[in-house]
Amino acid sequence: MWAQARADGTPPNNWLTIFGESAWRWHPTRGEYYLHNTLSNQPDLNYRNPDVIRELLKSVRFWLDTGVDGLRLDSVNLFLHDDRLRNNPPRHLAGRMKREAILTATRASATTSAGRKISTC
């Protein structure tokens, strides 16, 4: 996942790795930053790119053809990100936004399959 630097040369946004450091590393030869949600020697793939998806599916097909019963996809929650690369909100707002999203989702799913309203906390 590649991105241009900001006008001042800094990373594209304020995203952090799971370890709390910048999720972006400068690549001098390419002249762009690359995203890594974990270690800097493990760049993130661009799962919005059809070629990346095609190669991933080829890998899955290879292993399934060998007879494995299944695959484990670690960090699947890191596969996609904001495609506009907007900054994350400040930490003090992020917790409140997450709580509000959970409450909204809970209220939206607070009916049974028969359409009856169920109690929510």
PDB file of N, CA and C in Angstrom:
ATOM      1  N   MET A   1       0.863  -1.168   0.000  1.00  0.00           N
ATOM      2  CA  MET A   1       0.000   0.000   0.000  1.00  0.00           C
ATOM      3  C   MET A   1       0.904   1.224   0.000  1.00  0.00           C
ATOM      4  N   TRP A   2       0.918   1.959  -1.061  1.00  0.00           N
ATOM      5  CA  TRP A   2       1.781   3.129  -1.239  1.00  0.00           C
ATOM      6  C   TRP A   2       0.975   4.416  -1.141  1.00  0.00           C
ATOM      7  N   ALA A   3       1.629   5.477  -0.672  1.00  0.00           N
ATOM      8  CA  ALA A   3       0.969   6.782  -0.601  1.00  0.00           C
ATOM      9  C   ALA A   3       2.016   7.885  -0.669  1.00  0.00           C
ATOM     10  N   GLN A   4       1.596   9.003  -1.225  1.00  0.00           N
ATOM     11  CA  GLN A   4       2.458  10.179  -1.313  1.00  0.00           C
ATOM     12  C   GLN A   4       2.612  10.824   0.063  1.00  0.00           C
ATOM     13  N   ALA A   5       3.733  11.482   0.259  1.00  0.00           N
ATOM     14  CA  ALA A   5       3.955  12.260   1.485  1.00  0.00           C
ATOM     15  C   ALA A   5       3.056  13.493   1.468  1.00  0.00           C
ATOM     16  N   ARG A   6       2.836  14.069   2.628  1.00  0.00           N
ATOM     17  CA  ARG A   6       2.152  15.357   2.693  1.00  0.00           C
ATOM     18  C   ARG A   6       3.075  16.408   2.089  1.00  0.00           C
ATOM     19  N   ALA A   7       2.580  17.602   1.905  1.00  0.00           N
ATOM     20  CA  ALA A   7       3.371  18.679   1.287  1.00  0.00           C
ATOM     21  C   ALA A   7       4.672  18.943   2.046  1.00  0.00           C
ATOM     22  N   ASP A   8       4.666  18.727   3.363  1.00  0.00           N
ATOM     23  CA  ASP A   8       5.876  18.977   4.158  1.00  0.00           C
ATOM     24  C   ASP A   8       6.802  17.762   4.239  1.00  0.00           C
ATOM     25  N   GLY A   9       6.473  16.689   3.513  1.00  0.00           N
ATOM     26  CA  GLY A   9       7.317  15.502   3.486  1.00  0.00           C
ATOM     27  C   GLY A   9       7.018  14.465   4.551  1.00  0.00           C
ATOM     28  N   THR A  10       6.077  14.747   5.417  1.00  0.00           N
ATOM     29  CA  THR A  10       5.738  13.806   6.492  1.00  0.00           C
ATOM     30  C   THR A  10       4.790  12.721   5.974  1.00  0.00           C
ATOM     31  N   PRO A  11       4.586  11.656   6.769  1.00  0.00           N
ATOM     32  CA  PRO A  11       3.692  10.569   6.337  1.00  0.00           C
ATOM     33  C   PRO A  11       2.294  11.068   5.966  1.00  0.00           C
ATOM     34  N   PRO A  12       1.584  10.296   5.164  1.00  0.00           N
ATOM     35  CA  PRO A  12       0.269  10.701   4.658  1.00  0.00           C
ATOM     36  C   PRO A  12      -0.781  10.998   5.725  1.00  0.00           C
ATOM     37  N   ASN A  13      -0.666  10.366   6.883  1.00  0.00           N
ATOM     38  CA  ASN A  13      -1.643  10.600   7.954  1.00  0.00           C
ATOM     39  C   ASN A  13      -1.042  10.181   9.296  1.00  0.00           C
ATOM     40  N   ASN A  14      -1.876  10.181  10.319  1.00  0.00           N
ATOM     41  CA  ASN A  14      -1.405   9.903  11.683  1.00  0.00           C
ATOM     42  C   ASN A  14      -1.591   8.456  12.118  1.00  0.00           C
ATOM     43  N   TRP A  15      -1.775   7.538  11.204  1.00  0.00           N
ATOM     44  CA  TRP A  15      -2.031   6.154  11.575  1.00  0.00           C
ATOM     45  C   TRP A  15      -0.841   5.545  12.302  1.00  0.00           C
ATOM     46  N   LEU A  16      -1.156   4.702  13.278  1.00  0.00           N
ATOM     47  CA  LEU A  16      -0.146   4.034  14.083  1.00  0.00           C
ATOM     48  C   LEU A  16      -0.200   2.528  13.866  1.00  0.00           C
ATOM     49  N   THR A  17       0.939   1.868  14.067  1.00  0.00           N
ATOM     50  CA  THR A  17       0.978   0.407  14.023  1.00  0.00           C
ATOM     51  C   THR A  17       0.336  -0.135  15.297  1.00  0.00           C
ATOM     52  N   ILE A  18       0.202  -1.450  15.361  1.00  0.00           N
ATOM     53  CA  ILE A  18      -0.325  -2.051  16.583  1.00  0.00           C
ATOM     54  C   ILE A  18       0.643  -1.867  17.741  1.00  0.00           C
ATOM     55  N   PHE A  19       1.877  -1.451  17.438  1.00  0.00           N
ATOM     56  CA  PHE A  19       2.889  -1.215  18.465  1.00  0.00           C
ATOM     57  C   PHE A  19       2.962   0.250  18.882  1.00  0.00           C
ATOM     58  N   GLY A  20       2.171   1.121  18.235  1.00  0.00           N
ATOM     59  CA  GLY A  20       2.099   2.518  18.631  1.00  0.00           C
ATOM     60  C   GLY A  20       3.031   3.464  17.904  1.00  0.00           C
ATOM     61  N   GLU A  21       3.729   3.002  16.884  1.00  0.00           N
ATOM     62  CA  GLU A  21       4.595   3.903  16.111  1.00  0.00           C
ATOM     63  C   GLU A  21       3.920   4.223  14.785  1.00  0.00           C
ATOM     64  N   SER A  22       4.493   5.158  14.019  1.00  0.00           N
ATOM     65  CA  SER A  22       3.910   5.500  12.724  1.00  0.00           C
ATOM     66  C   SER A  22       3.781   4.250  11.862  1.00  0.00           C
ATOM     67  N   ALA A  23       2.637   4.126  11.203  1.00  0.00           N
ATOM     68  CA  ALA A  23       2.377   2.973  10.341  1.00  0.00           C
ATOM     69  C   ALA A  23       2.950   3.181   8.937  1.00  0.00           C
ATOM     70  N   TRP A  24       3.715   4.227   8.742  1.00  0.00           N
ATOM     71  CA  TRP A  24       4.262   4.557   7.431  1.00  0.00           C
ATOM     72  C   TRP A  24       5.782   4.571   7.470  1.00  0.00           C
ATOM     73  N   ARG A  25       6.412   4.025   6.424  1.00  0.00           N
ATOM     74  CA  ARG A  25       7.871   4.065   6.261  1.00  0.00           C
ATOM     75  C   ARG A  25       8.184   4.646   4.897  1.00  0.00           C
ATOM     76  N   TRP A  26       9.178   5.509   4.865  1.00  0.00           N
ATOM     77  CA  TRP A  26       9.615   6.133   3.626  1.00  0.00           C
ATOM     78  C   TRP A  26      10.442   5.148   2.806  1.00  0.00           C
ATOM     79  N   HIS A  27      10.172   5.093   1.522  1.00  0.00           N
ATOM     80  CA  HIS A  27      10.945   4.259   0.600  1.00  0.00           C
ATOM     81  C   HIS A  27      11.663   5.218  -0.368  1.00  0.00           C
ATOM     82  N   PRO A  28      12.963   5.462  -0.150  1.00  0.00           N
ATOM     83  CA  PRO A  28      13.666   6.487  -0.929  1.00  0.00           C
ATOM     84  C   PRO A  28      13.717   6.219  -2.430  1.00  0.00           C
ATOM     85  N   THR A  29      13.841   4.964  -2.829  1.00  0.00           N
ATOM     86  CA  THR A  29      13.920   4.661  -4.258  1.00  0.00           C
ATOM     87  C   THR A  29      12.603   4.987  -4.957  1.00  0.00           C
ATOM     88  N   ARG A  30      11.514   4.630  -4.341  1.00  0.00           N
ATOM     89  CA  ARG A  30      10.197   4.888  -4.933  1.00  0.00           C
ATOM     90  C   ARG A  30       9.730   6.316  -4.688  1.00  0.00           C
ATOM     91  N   GLY A  31      10.214   6.945  -3.613  1.00  0.00           N
ATOM     92  CA  GLY A  31       9.800   8.307  -3.289  1.00  0.00           C
ATOM     93  C   GLY A  31       8.392   8.394  -2.742  1.00  0.00           C
ATOM     94  N   GLU A  32       7.979   7.339  -2.043  1.00  0.00           N
ATOM     95  CA  GLU A  32       6.657   7.287  -1.427  1.00  0.00           C
ATOM     96  C   GLU A  32       6.769   6.570  -0.084  1.00  0.00           C
ATOM     97  N   TYR A  33       5.687   6.679   0.681  1.00  0.00           N
ATOM     98  CA  TYR A  33       5.583   5.930   1.926  1.00  0.00           C
ATOM     99  C   TYR A  33       4.847   4.619   1.655  1.00  0.00           C
ATOM    100  N   TYR A  34       5.180   3.589   2.427  1.00  0.00           N
ATOM    101  CA  TYR A  34       4.392   2.355   2.393  1.00  0.00           C
ATOM    102  C   TYR A  34       3.811   2.107   3.772  1.00  0.00           C
ATOM    103  N   LEU A  35       2.638   1.492   3.766  1.00  0.00           N
ATOM    104  CA  LEU A  35       1.891   1.224   4.992  1.00  0.00           C
ATOM    105  C   LEU A  35       2.300  -0.115   5.575  1.00  0.00           C
ATOM    106  N   HIS A  36       2.461  -0.142   6.895  1.00  0.00           N
ATOM    107  CA  HIS A  36       2.701  -1.404   7.617  1.00  0.00           C
ATOM    108  C   HIS A  36       2.014  -1.301   8.960  1.00  0.00           C
ATOM    109  N   ASN A  37       0.994  -2.111   9.157  1.00  0.00           N
ATOM    110  CA  ASN A  37       0.255  -2.092  10.424  1.00  0.00           C
ATOM    111  C   ASN A  37       0.961  -2.854  11.532  1.00  0.00           C
ATOM    112  N   THR A  38       1.956  -3.646  11.158  1.00  0.00           N
ATOM    113  CA  THR A  38       2.732  -4.366  12.167  1.00  0.00           C
ATOM    114  C   THR A  38       4.186  -3.927  12.028  1.00  0.00           C
ATOM    115  N   LEU A  39       5.070  -4.825  11.658  1.00  0.00           N
ATOM    116  CA  LEU A  39       6.491  -4.505  11.538  1.00  0.00           C
ATOM    117  C   LEU A  39       6.791  -3.837  10.204  1.00  0.00           C
ATOM    118  N   SER A  40       7.803  -2.963  10.183  1.00  0.00           N
ATOM    119  CA  SER A  40       8.122  -2.246   8.948  1.00  0.00           C
ATOM    120  C   SER A  40       8.642  -3.169   7.858  1.00  0.00           C
ATOM    121  N   ASN A  41       9.126  -4.366   8.227  1.00  0.00           N
ATOM    122  CA  ASN A  41       9.562  -5.314   7.209  1.00  0.00           C
ATOM    123  C   ASN A  41       8.416  -6.216   6.734  1.00  0.00           C
ATOM    124  N   GLN A  42       7.183  -5.859   7.111  1.00  0.00           N
ATOM    125  CA  GLN A  42       5.989  -6.572   6.665  1.00  0.00           C
ATOM    126  C   GLN A  42       4.981  -5.566   6.094  1.00  0.00           C
ATOM    127  N   PRO A  43       5.261  -5.029   4.896  1.00  0.00           N
ATOM    128  CA  PRO A  43       4.345  -4.037   4.307  1.00  0.00           C
ATOM    129  C   PRO A  43       2.946  -4.605   4.095  1.00  0.00           C
ATOM    130  N   ASP A  44       1.962  -3.746   4.223  1.00  0.00           N
ATOM    131  CA  ASP A  44       0.576  -4.155   3.975  1.00  0.00           C
ATOM    132  C   ASP A  44       0.333  -4.247   2.474  1.00  0.00           C
ATOM    133  N   LEU A  45      -0.484  -5.209   2.098  1.00  0.00           N
ATOM    134  CA  LEU A  45      -0.889  -5.326   0.705  1.00  0.00           C
ATOM    135  C   LEU A  45      -2.107  -4.439   0.454  1.00  0.00           C
ATOM    136  N   ASN A  46      -2.277  -4.028  -0.793  1.00  0.00           N
ATOM    137  CA  ASN A  46      -3.418  -3.206  -1.168  1.00  0.00           C
ATOM    138  C   ASN A  46      -4.542  -4.134  -1.635  1.00  0.00           C
ATOM    139  N   TYR A  47      -5.455  -4.461  -0.734  1.00  0.00           N
ATOM    140  CA  TYR A  47      -6.527  -5.395  -1.049  1.00  0.00           C
ATOM    141  C   TYR A  47      -7.631  -4.770  -1.892  1.00  0.00           C
ATOM    142  N   ARG A  48      -7.474  -3.523  -2.290  1.00  0.00           N
ATOM    143  CA  ARG A  48      -8.395  -2.915  -3.253  1.00  0.00           C
ATOM    144  C   ARG A  48      -7.897  -3.128  -4.688  1.00  0.00           C
ATOM    145  N   ASN A  49      -6.704  -3.676  -4.814  1.00  0.00           N
ATOM    146  CA  ASN A  49      -6.103  -3.931  -6.118  1.00  0.00           C
ATOM    147  C   ASN A  49      -6.525  -5.325  -6.597  1.00  0.00           C
ATOM    148  N   PRO A  50      -7.191  -5.422  -7.745  1.00  0.00           N
ATOM    149  CA  PRO A  50      -7.652  -6.727  -8.236  1.00  0.00           C
ATOM    150  C   PRO A  50      -6.516  -7.735  -8.422  1.00  0.00           C
ATOM    151  N   ASP A  51      -5.326  -7.281  -8.796  1.00  0.00           N
ATOM    152  CA  ASP A  51      -4.193  -8.195  -8.957  1.00  0.00           C
ATOM    153  C   ASP A  51      -3.792  -8.826  -7.619  1.00  0.00           C
ATOM    154  N   VAL A  52      -3.860  -8.048  -6.554  1.00  0.00           N
ATOM    155  CA  VAL A  52      -3.537  -8.572  -5.221  1.00  0.00           C
ATOM    156  C   VAL A  52      -4.557  -9.638  -4.825  1.00  0.00           C
ATOM    157  N   ILE A  53      -5.821  -9.354  -5.040  1.00  0.00           N
ATOM    158  CA  ILE A  53      -6.870 -10.329  -4.714  1.00  0.00           C
ATOM    159  C   ILE A  53      -6.680 -11.604  -5.532  1.00  0.00           C
ATOM    160  N   ARG A  54      -6.387 -11.445  -6.814  1.00  0.00           N
ATOM    161  CA  ARG A  54      -6.176 -12.607  -7.687  1.00  0.00           C
ATOM    162  C   ARG A  54      -5.032 -13.480  -7.165  1.00  0.00           C
ATOM    163  N   GLU A  55      -3.917 -12.862  -6.759  1.00  0.00           N
ATOM    164  CA  GLU A  55      -2.777 -13.619  -6.239  1.00  0.00           C
ATOM    165  C   GLU A  55      -3.102 -14.275  -4.901  1.00  0.00           C
ATOM    166  N   LEU A  56      -3.841 -13.582  -4.066  1.00  0.00           N
ATOM    167  CA  LEU A  56      -4.259 -14.166  -2.783  1.00  0.00           C
ATOM    168  C   LEU A  56      -5.114 -15.409  -3.025  1.00  0.00           C
ATOM    169  N   LEU A  57      -6.058 -15.294  -3.936  1.00  0.00           N
ATOM    170  CA  LEU A  57      -6.924 -16.439  -4.235  1.00  0.00           C
ATOM    171  C   LEU A  57      -6.143 -17.586  -4.860  1.00  0.00           C
ATOM    172  N   LYS A  58      -5.125 -17.287  -5.650  1.00  0.00           N
ATOM    173  CA  LYS A  58      -4.273 -18.350  -6.192  1.00  0.00           C
ATOM    174  C   LYS A  58      -3.561 -19.092  -5.066  1.00  0.00           C
ATOM    175  N   SER A  59      -3.092 -18.356  -4.066  1.00  0.00           N
ATOM    176  CA  SER A  59      -2.429 -18.981  -2.919  1.00  0.00           C
ATOM    177  C   SER A  59      -3.404 -19.863  -2.143  1.00  0.00           C
ATOM    178  N   VAL A  60      -4.604 -19.362  -1.939  1.00  0.00           N
ATOM    179  CA  VAL A  60      -5.625 -20.141  -1.238  1.00  0.00           C
ATOM    180  C   VAL A  60      -5.934 -21.414  -2.024  1.00  0.00           C
ATOM    181  N   ARG A  61      -6.106 -21.275  -3.338  1.00  0.00           N
ATOM    182  CA  ARG A  61      -6.408 -22.443  -4.175  1.00  0.00           C
ATOM    183  C   ARG A  61      -5.281 -23.467  -4.098  1.00  0.00           C
ATOM    184  N   PHE A  62      -4.016 -23.005  -4.120  1.00  0.00           N
ATOM    185  CA  PHE A  62      -2.875 -23.914  -4.020  1.00  0.00           C
ATOM    186  C   PHE A  62      -2.981 -24.771  -2.767  1.00  0.00           C
ATOM    187  N   TRP A  63      -3.215 -24.123  -1.616  1.00  0.00           N
ATOM    188  CA  TRP A  63      -3.263 -24.867  -0.360  1.00  0.00           C
ATOM    189  C   TRP A  63      -4.483 -25.775  -0.273  1.00  0.00           C
ATOM    190  N   LEU A  64      -5.615 -25.312  -0.772  1.00  0.00           N
ATOM    191  CA  LEU A  64      -6.798 -26.171  -0.758  1.00  0.00           C
ATOM    192  C   LEU A  64      -6.593 -27.393  -1.650  1.00  0.00           C
ATOM    193  N   ASP A  65      -5.912 -27.198  -2.782  1.00  0.00           N
ATOM    194  CA  ASP A  65      -5.635 -28.322  -3.683  1.00  0.00           C
ATOM    195  C   ASP A  65      -4.674 -29.339  -3.069  1.00  0.00           C
ATOM    196  N   THR A  66      -3.865 -28.918  -2.096  1.00  0.00           N
ATOM    197  CA  THR A  66      -2.963 -29.865  -1.434  1.00  0.00           C
ATOM    198  C   THR A  66      -3.697 -30.697  -0.392  1.00  0.00           C
ATOM    199  N   GLY A  67      -4.927 -30.322  -0.087  1.00  0.00           N
ATOM    200  CA  GLY A  67      -5.724 -31.118   0.839  1.00  0.00           C
ATOM    201  C   GLY A  67      -5.887 -30.532   2.229  1.00  0.00           C
ATOM    202  N   VAL A  68      -5.415 -29.308   2.480  1.00  0.00           N
ATOM    203  CA  VAL A  68      -5.636 -28.734   3.806  1.00  0.00           C
ATOM    204  C   VAL A  68      -7.131 -28.525   4.012  1.00  0.00           C
ATOM    205  N   ASP A  69      -7.531 -28.581   5.265  1.00  0.00           N
ATOM    206  CA  ASP A  69      -8.948 -28.428   5.580  1.00  0.00           C
ATOM    207  C   ASP A  69      -9.389 -26.979   5.665  1.00  0.00           C
ATOM    208  N   GLY A  70      -8.450 -26.079   5.828  1.00  0.00           N
ATOM    209  CA  GLY A  70      -8.807 -24.673   5.947  1.00  0.00           C
ATOM    210  C   GLY A  70      -7.575 -23.815   6.093  1.00  0.00           C
ATOM    211  N   LEU A  71      -7.795 -22.531   6.161  1.00  0.00           N
ATOM    212  CA  LEU A  71      -6.708 -21.562   6.299  1.00  0.00           C
ATOM    213  C   LEU A  71      -7.000 -20.626   7.447  1.00  0.00           C
ATOM    214  N   ARG A  72      -5.944 -20.100   8.022  1.00  0.00           N
ATOM    215  CA  ARG A  72      -6.075 -19.109   9.089  1.00  0.00           C
ATOM    216  C   ARG A  72      -5.621 -17.763   8.527  1.00  0.00           C
ATOM    217  N   LEU A  73      -6.476 -16.778   8.604  1.00  0.00           N
ATOM    218  CA  LEU A  73      -6.137 -15.440   8.136  1.00  0.00           C
ATOM    219  C   LEU A  73      -5.965 -14.532   9.348  1.00  0.00           C
ATOM    220  N   ASP A  74      -4.742 -14.313   9.739  1.00  0.00           N
ATOM    221  CA  ASP A  74      -4.461 -13.412  10.861  1.00  0.00           C
ATOM    222  C   ASP A  74      -4.622 -11.961  10.421  1.00  0.00           C
ATOM    223  N   SER A  75      -4.982 -11.141  11.345  1.00  0.00           N
ATOM    224  CA  SER A  75      -5.069  -9.691  11.125  1.00  0.00           C
ATOM    225  C   SER A  75      -6.011  -9.318   9.998  1.00  0.00           C
ATOM    226  N   VAL A  76      -7.041 -10.121   9.774  1.00  0.00           N
ATOM    227  CA  VAL A  76      -7.969  -9.837   8.690  1.00  0.00           C
ATOM    228  C   VAL A  76      -8.629  -8.469   8.876  1.00  0.00           C
ATOM    229  N   ASN A  77      -8.735  -8.006  10.106  1.00  0.00           N
ATOM    230  CA  ASN A  77      -9.315  -6.689  10.364  1.00  0.00           C
ATOM    231  C   ASN A  77      -8.423  -5.558   9.873  1.00  0.00           C
ATOM    232  N   LEU A  78      -7.200  -5.867   9.470  1.00  0.00           N
ATOM    233  CA  LEU A  78      -6.294  -4.844   8.950  1.00  0.00           C
ATOM    234  C   LEU A  78      -6.210  -4.856   7.423  1.00  0.00           C
ATOM    235  N   PHE A  79      -6.989  -5.695   6.776  1.00  0.00           N
ATOM    236  CA  PHE A  79      -6.909  -5.815   5.325  1.00  0.00           C
ATOM    237  C   PHE A  79      -7.337  -4.534   4.611  1.00  0.00           C
ATOM    238  N   LEU A  80      -8.384  -3.898   5.071  1.00  0.00           N
ATOM    239  CA  LEU A  80      -8.881  -2.682   4.426  1.00  0.00           C
ATOM    240  C   LEU A  80      -8.776  -1.507   5.374  1.00  0.00           C
ATOM    241  N   HIS A  81      -8.730  -0.341   4.802  1.00  0.00           N
ATOM    242  CA  HIS A  81      -8.594   0.893   5.571  1.00  0.00           C
ATOM    243  C   HIS A  81      -9.318   2.000   4.826  1.00  0.00           C
ATOM    244  N   ASP A  82      -9.370   3.154   5.412  1.00  0.00           N
ATOM    245  CA  ASP A  82     -10.007   4.300   4.776  1.00  0.00           C
ATOM    246  C   ASP A  82      -9.298   4.595   3.459  1.00  0.00           C
ATOM    247  N   ASP A  83     -10.015   4.479   2.345  1.00  0.00           N
ATOM    248  CA  ASP A  83      -9.372   4.666   1.044  1.00  0.00           C
ATOM    249  C   ASP A  83      -8.986   6.112   0.772  1.00  0.00           C
ATOM    250  N   ARG A  84      -9.476   7.048   1.583  1.00  0.00           N
ATOM    251  CA  ARG A  84      -9.064   8.455   1.438  1.00  0.00           C
ATOM    252  C   ARG A  84      -7.889   8.791   2.353  1.00  0.00           C
ATOM    253  N   LEU A  85      -7.444   7.807   3.137  1.00  0.00           N
ATOM    254  CA  LEU A  85      -6.288   7.950   4.034  1.00  0.00           C
ATOM    255  C   LEU A  85      -6.436   9.121   5.007  1.00  0.00           C
ATOM    256  N   ARG A  86      -7.654   9.315   5.509  1.00  0.00           N
ATOM    257  CA  ARG A  86      -7.882  10.400   6.467  1.00  0.00           C
ATOM    258  C   ARG A  86      -7.257  10.066   7.815  1.00  0.00           C
ATOM    259  N   ASN A  87      -6.854  11.085   8.542  1.00  0.00           N
ATOM    260  CA  ASN A  87      -6.304  10.903   9.883  1.00  0.00           C
ATOM    261  C   ASN A  87      -7.315  10.217  10.787  1.00  0.00           C
ATOM    262  N   ASN A  88      -6.810   9.409  11.711  1.00  0.00           N
ATOM    263  CA  ASN A  88      -7.652   8.876  12.773  1.00  0.00           C
ATOM    264  C   ASN A  88      -7.975  10.002  13.737  1.00  0.00           C
ATOM    265  N   PRO A  89      -9.127   9.929  14.403  1.00  0.00           N
ATOM    266  CA  PRO A  89      -9.467  10.978  15.377  1.00  0.00           C
ATOM    267  C   PRO A  89      -8.525  10.907  16.573  1.00  0.00           C
ATOM    268  N   PRO A  90      -8.404  12.004  17.312  1.00  0.00           N
ATOM    269  CA  PRO A  90      -7.598  11.955  18.539  1.00  0.00           C
ATOM    270  C   PRO A  90      -8.108  10.856  19.466  1.00  0.00           C
ATOM    271  N   ARG A  91      -7.212  10.279  20.236  1.00  0.00           N
ATOM    272  CA  ARG A  91      -7.547   9.138  21.095  1.00  0.00           C
ATOM    273  C   ARG A  91      -8.739   9.414  22.002  1.00  0.00           C
ATOM    274  N   HIS A  92      -8.827  10.613  22.567  1.00  0.00           N
ATOM    275  CA  HIS A  92      -9.929  10.895  23.494  1.00  0.00           C
ATOM    276  C   HIS A  92     -11.281  10.889  22.778  1.00  0.00           C
ATOM    277  N   LEU A  93     -11.302  11.142  21.471  1.00  0.00           N
ATOM    278  CA  LEU A  93     -12.551  11.082  20.713  1.00  0.00           C
ATOM    279  C   LEU A  93     -12.821   9.682  20.167  1.00  0.00           C
ATOM    280  N   ALA A  94     -11.761   8.934  19.901  1.00  0.00           N
ATOM    281  CA  ALA A  94     -11.920   7.615  19.287  1.00  0.00           C
ATOM    282  C   ALA A  94     -12.745   6.680  20.164  1.00  0.00           C
ATOM    283  N   GLY A  95     -12.497   6.678  21.468  1.00  0.00           N
ATOM    284  CA  GLY A  95     -13.253   5.817  22.378  1.00  0.00           C
ATOM    285  C   GLY A  95     -14.724   6.174  22.394  1.00  0.00           C
ATOM    286  N   ARG A  96     -15.016   7.480  22.418  1.00  0.00           N
ATOM    287  CA  ARG A  96     -16.411   7.911  22.416  1.00  0.00           C
ATOM    288  C   ARG A  96     -17.086   7.543  21.095  1.00  0.00           C
ATOM    289  N   MET A  97     -16.379   7.723  19.981  1.00  0.00           N
ATOM    290  CA  MET A  97     -16.942   7.384  18.672  1.00  0.00           C
ATOM    291  C   MET A  97     -17.221   5.894  18.575  1.00  0.00           C
ATOM    292  N   LYS A  98     -16.325   5.067  19.127  1.00  0.00           N
ATOM    293  CA  LYS A  98     -16.521   3.618  19.095  1.00  0.00           C
ATOM    294  C   LYS A  98     -17.753   3.237  19.920  1.00  0.00           C
ATOM    295  N   ARG A  99     -17.879   3.823  21.116  1.00  0.00           N
ATOM    296  CA  ARG A  99     -19.044   3.532  21.960  1.00  0.00           C
ATOM    297  C   ARG A  99     -20.339   3.928  21.244  1.00  0.00           C
ATOM    298  N   GLU A 100     -20.340   5.103  20.599  1.00  0.00           N
ATOM    299  CA  GLU A 100     -21.538   5.554  19.888  1.00  0.00           C
ATOM    300  C   GLU A 100     -21.876   4.615  18.729  1.00  0.00           C
ATOM    301  N   ALA A 101     -20.863   4.131  18.025  1.00  0.00           N
ATOM    302  CA  ALA A 101     -21.097   3.198  16.914  1.00  0.00           C
ATOM    303  C   ALA A 101     -21.689   1.889  17.428  1.00  0.00           C
ATOM    304  N   ILE A 102     -21.194   1.413  18.566  1.00  0.00           N
ATOM    305  CA  ILE A 102     -21.721   0.175  19.146  1.00  0.00           C
ATOM    306  C   ILE A 102     -23.171   0.361  19.564  1.00  0.00           C
ATOM    307  N   LEU A 103     -23.475   1.497  20.196  1.00  0.00           N
ATOM    308  CA  LEU A 103     -24.853   1.761  20.604  1.00  0.00           C
ATOM    309  C   LEU A 103     -25.775   1.850  19.397  1.00  0.00           C
ATOM    310  N   THR A 104     -25.336   2.514  18.341  1.00  0.00           N
ATOM    311  CA  THR A 104     -26.148   2.632  17.129  1.00  0.00           C
ATOM    312  C   THR A 104     -26.407   1.266  16.524  1.00  0.00           C
ATOM    313  N   ALA A 105     -25.367   0.439  16.439  1.00  0.00           N
ATOM    314  CA  ALA A 105     -25.519  -0.904  15.878  1.00  0.00           C
ATOM    315  C   ALA A 105     -26.445  -1.752  16.740  1.00  0.00           C
ATOM    316  N   THR A 106     -26.322  -1.609  18.051  1.00  0.00           N
ATOM    317  CA  THR A 106     -27.168  -2.368  18.968  1.00  0.00           C
ATOM    318  C   THR A 106     -28.629  -1.976  18.792  1.00  0.00           C
ATOM    319  N   ARG A 107     -28.884  -0.680  18.697  1.00  0.00           N
ATOM    320  CA  ARG A 107     -30.271  -0.226  18.513  1.00  0.00           C
ATOM    321  C   ARG A 107     -30.831  -0.691  17.173  1.00  0.00           C
ATOM    322  N   ALA A 108     -30.001  -0.673  16.137  1.00  0.00           N
ATOM    323  CA  ALA A 108     -30.457  -1.075  14.804  1.00  0.00           C
ATOM    324  C   ALA A 108     -30.791  -2.554  14.752  1.00  0.00           C
ATOM    325  N   SER A 109     -30.107  -3.373  15.546  1.00  0.00           N
ATOM    326  CA  SER A 109     -30.366  -4.815  15.522  1.00  0.00           C
ATOM    327  C   SER A 109     -31.244  -5.256  16.681  1.00  0.00           C
ATOM    328  N   ALA A 110     -31.967  -4.345  17.259  1.00  0.00           N
ATOM    329  CA  ALA A 110     -32.740  -4.657  18.460  1.00  0.00           C
ATOM    330  C   ALA A 110     -34.147  -5.159  18.147  1.00  0.00           C
ATOM    331  N   THR A 111     -34.311  -5.794  17.001  1.00  0.00           N
ATOM    332  CA  THR A 111     -35.590  -6.431  16.710  1.00  0.00           C
ATOM    333  C   THR A 111     -35.327  -7.891  16.392  1.00  0.00           C
ATOM    334  N   THR A 112     -36.279  -8.732  16.695  1.00  0.00           N
ATOM    335  CA  THR A 112     -36.136 -10.160  16.411  1.00  0.00           C
ATOM    336  C   THR A 112     -36.445 -10.405  14.943  1.00  0.00           C
ATOM    337  N   SER A 113     -36.183 -11.622  14.484  1.00  0.00           N
ATOM    338  CA  SER A 113     -36.479 -11.955  13.093  1.00  0.00           C
ATOM    339  C   SER A 113     -37.979 -11.861  12.813  1.00  0.00           C
ATOM    340  N   ALA A 114     -38.802 -11.972  13.852  1.00  0.00           N
ATOM    341  CA  ALA A 114     -40.251 -11.854  13.684  1.00  0.00           C
ATOM    342  C   ALA A 114     -40.686 -10.389  13.691  1.00  0.00           C
ATOM    343  N   GLY A 115     -39.726  -9.482  13.849  1.00  0.00           N
ATOM    344  CA  GLY A 115     -40.052  -8.067  13.828  1.00  0.00           C
ATOM    345  C   GLY A 115     -40.435  -7.490  15.175  1.00  0.00           C
ATOM    346  N   ARG A 116     -40.343  -8.304  16.230  1.00  0.00           N
ATOM    347  CA  ARG A 116     -40.687  -7.797  17.571  1.00  0.00           C
ATOM    348  C   ARG A 116     -39.484  -7.088  18.157  1.00  0.00           C
ATOM    349  N   LYS A 117     -39.753  -6.016  18.839  1.00  0.00           N
ATOM    350  CA  LYS A 117     -38.718  -5.243  19.512  1.00  0.00           C
ATOM    351  C   LYS A 117     -38.206  -6.026  20.708  1.00  0.00           C
ATOM    352  N   ILE A 118     -36.849  -6.031  20.902  1.00  0.00           N
ATOM    353  CA  ILE A 118     -36.300  -6.678  22.074  1.00  0.00           C
ATOM    354  C   ILE A 118     -35.669  -5.619  22.957  1.00  0.00           C
ATOM    355  N   SER A 119     -35.473  -5.955  24.195  1.00  0.00           N
ATOM    356  CA  SER A 119     -34.913  -5.031  25.164  1.00  0.00           C
ATOM    357  C   SER A 119     -33.412  -4.865  24.949  1.00  0.00           C
ATOM    358  N   THR A 120     -32.948  -3.612  25.014  1.00  0.00           N
ATOM    359  CA  THR A 120     -31.512  -3.328  24.911  1.00  0.00           C
ATOM    360  C   THR A 120     -31.080  -2.541  26.122  1.00  0.00           C
ATOM    361  N   CYS A 121     -29.823  -2.664  26.450  1.00  0.00           N
ATOM    362  CA  CYS A 121     -29.292  -1.930  27.597  1.00  0.00           C
ATOM    363  C   CYS A 121     -28.711  -0.613  27.161  1.00  0.00           C
TER     364      CYS A 121
END
